[in-house]
Amino acid sequence: MLFIVQLTIIPGQFEEATRLFRHPKIPNNIMIHEFLGLLGKPDALVIFEAPDAATAAEFTFQFGRVAETKTSLSMPIEDFKWTG
């Protein structure tokens, strides 16, 4: 399953967030495709694979102390029924 997490740094947490974003704890069953810093809001974006939603939630939980998180499950556009 492919997930996208949007991270908006909590005011006063910039230095801590920068450290965490550079060195996140990545479990063996998570594959990071992209970890991007953005100019504007959100401040960062993580695109990763996880075997299930529970594993994805566990991975993204670490960012909650320094950023507001918004996680989305993503799928190829062809998998959406309204595109057929």
C-alpha atoms as a PDB file:
ATOM      1  CA  MET A   1       0.000   0.000   0.000  1.00  0.00           C
ATOM      2  CA  LEU A   2       1.292   3.442  -0.927  1.00  0.00           C
ATOM      3  CA  PHE A   3       0.795   6.323   1.521  1.00  0.00           C
ATOM      4  CA  ILE A   4       1.427  10.068   1.407  1.00  0.00           C
ATOM      5  CA  VAL A   5       1.971  12.049   4.611  1.00  0.00           C
ATOM      6  CA  GLN A   6       1.813  15.837   4.665  1.00  0.00           C
ATOM      7  CA  LEU A   7       3.772  17.379   7.553  1.00  0.00           C
ATOM      8  CA  THR A   8       3.217  20.920   8.823  1.00  0.00           C
ATOM      9  CA  ILE A   9       5.738  21.841  11.510  1.00  0.00           C
ATOM     10  CA  ILE A  10       4.271  22.987  14.818  1.00  0.00           C
ATOM     11  CA  PRO A  11       5.448  26.520  15.721  1.00  0.00           C
ATOM     12  CA  GLY A  12       8.589  26.357  17.875  1.00  0.00           C
ATOM     13  CA  GLN A  13       9.503  22.852  16.690  1.00  0.00           C
ATOM     14  CA  PHE A  14      11.537  23.691  13.574  1.00  0.00           C
ATOM     15  CA  GLU A  15      14.945  22.480  14.817  1.00  0.00           C
ATOM     16  CA  GLU A  16      13.546  19.292  16.339  1.00  0.00           C
ATOM     17  CA  ALA A  17      11.477  18.624  13.203  1.00  0.00           C
ATOM     18  CA  THR A  18      14.490  19.138  10.959  1.00  0.00           C
ATOM     19  CA  ARG A  19      16.495  16.589  12.960  1.00  0.00           C
ATOM     20  CA  LEU A  20      13.652  14.078  12.913  1.00  0.00           C
ATOM     21  CA  PHE A  21      12.937  14.575   9.204  1.00  0.00           C
ATOM     22  CA  ARG A  22      16.604  13.949   8.379  1.00  0.00           C
ATOM     23  CA  HIS A  23      16.819  10.809  10.530  1.00  0.00           C
ATOM     24  CA  PRO A  24      13.393   9.202  10.953  1.00  0.00           C
ATOM     25  CA  LYS A  25      13.064   5.726  12.432  1.00  0.00           C
ATOM     26  CA  ILE A  26      12.250   3.536   9.431  1.00  0.00           C
ATOM     27  CA  PRO A  27      11.076   0.003  10.256  1.00  0.00           C
ATOM     28  CA  ASN A  28      12.170  -2.849   7.983  1.00  0.00           C
ATOM     29  CA  ASN A  29       8.648  -3.208   6.559  1.00  0.00           C
ATOM     30  CA  ILE A  30       8.458   0.458   5.421  1.00  0.00           C
ATOM     31  CA  MET A  31       9.968   1.622   2.131  1.00  0.00           C
ATOM     32  CA  ILE A  32      10.423   5.383   1.687  1.00  0.00           C
ATOM     33  CA  HIS A  33       9.986   6.498  -1.931  1.00  0.00           C
ATOM     34  CA  GLU A  34      10.410  10.235  -1.319  1.00  0.00           C
ATOM     35  CA  PHE A  35      10.901  12.481   1.707  1.00  0.00           C
ATOM     36  CA  LEU A  36      10.643  16.034   0.422  1.00  0.00           C
ATOM     37  CA  GLY A  37      10.915  19.459   2.024  1.00  0.00           C
ATOM     38  CA  LEU A  38       8.490  21.959   0.510  1.00  0.00           C
ATOM     39  CA  LEU A  39       8.508  25.742   0.181  1.00  0.00           C
ATOM     40  CA  GLY A  40       5.149  26.674   1.668  1.00  0.00           C
ATOM     41  CA  LYS A  41       2.603  24.601   3.529  1.00  0.00           C
ATOM     42  CA  PRO A  42       2.794  21.755   4.213  1.00  0.00           C
ATOM     43  CA  ASP A  43       6.474  21.866   5.140  1.00  0.00           C
ATOM     44  CA  ALA A  44       7.320  18.308   4.090  1.00  0.00           C
ATOM     45  CA  LEU A  45       5.883  15.335   2.265  1.00  0.00           C
ATOM     46  CA  VAL A  46       6.654  11.641   2.703  1.00  0.00           C
ATOM     47  CA  ILE A  47       5.681   9.035   0.123  1.00  0.00           C
ATOM     48  CA  PHE A  48       6.142   5.507   1.422  1.00  0.00           C
ATOM     49  CA  GLU A  49       4.979   1.911   1.173  1.00  0.00           C
ATOM     50  CA  ALA A  50       3.659  -0.056   4.127  1.00  0.00           C
ATOM     51  CA  PRO A  51       2.032  -3.477   4.251  1.00  0.00           C
ATOM     52  CA  ASP A  52      -1.128  -2.096   5.912  1.00  0.00           C
ATOM     53  CA  ALA A  53      -2.733   0.987   7.444  1.00  0.00           C
ATOM     54  CA  ALA A  54      -1.783   0.031  11.015  1.00  0.00           C
ATOM     55  CA  THR A  55       1.905  -0.118  10.081  1.00  0.00           C
ATOM     56  CA  ALA A  56       1.619   3.217   8.255  1.00  0.00           C
ATOM     57  CA  ALA A  57       0.003   4.808  11.314  1.00  0.00           C
ATOM     58  CA  GLU A  58       2.721   3.444  13.591  1.00  0.00           C
ATOM     59  CA  PHE A  59       5.426   4.903  11.312  1.00  0.00           C
ATOM     60  CA  THR A  60       3.808   8.343  11.023  1.00  0.00           C
ATOM     61  CA  PHE A  61       3.145   8.560  14.773  1.00  0.00           C
ATOM     62  CA  GLN A  62       6.775   9.606  15.373  1.00  0.00           C
ATOM     63  CA  PHE A  63       6.192  12.875  13.502  1.00  0.00           C
ATOM     64  CA  GLY A  64       3.229  13.911  15.655  1.00  0.00           C
ATOM     65  CA  ARG A  65       5.372  15.512  18.354  1.00  0.00           C
ATOM     66  CA  VAL A  66       6.859  18.069  15.927  1.00  0.00           C
ATOM     67  CA  ALA A  67       4.291  18.396  13.134  1.00  0.00           C
ATOM     68  CA  GLU A  68       0.645  18.180  12.271  1.00  0.00           C
ATOM     69  CA  THR A  69       0.263  15.118  10.069  1.00  0.00           C
ATOM     70  CA  LYS A  70      -2.231  14.290   7.368  1.00  0.00           C
ATOM     71  CA  THR A  71      -1.952  10.798   5.904  1.00  0.00           C
ATOM     72  CA  SER A  72      -3.605   9.597   2.704  1.00  0.00           C
ATOM     73  CA  LEU A  73      -3.718   6.206   1.039  1.00  0.00           C
ATOM     74  CA  SER A  74      -2.808   6.583  -2.617  1.00  0.00           C
ATOM     75  CA  MET A  75      -3.591   4.342  -5.561  1.00  0.00           C
ATOM     76  CA  PRO A  76      -2.879   4.404  -9.276  1.00  0.00           C
ATOM     77  CA  ILE A  77      -5.519   6.497 -11.038  1.00  0.00           C
ATOM     78  CA  GLU A  78      -6.500   3.434 -13.093  1.00  0.00           C
ATOM     79  CA  ASP A  79      -7.724   1.741  -9.889  1.00  0.00           C
ATOM     80  CA  PHE A  80     -10.414   4.372  -9.327  1.00  0.00           C
ATOM     81  CA  LYS A  81     -13.734   3.188 -10.714  1.00  0.00           C
ATOM     82  CA  TRP A  82     -14.682   6.652 -11.985  1.00  0.00           C
ATOM     83  CA  THR A  83     -11.753   6.636 -14.418  1.00  0.00           C
ATOM     84  CA  GLY A  84     -12.796   3.504 -16.306  1.00  0.00           C
END
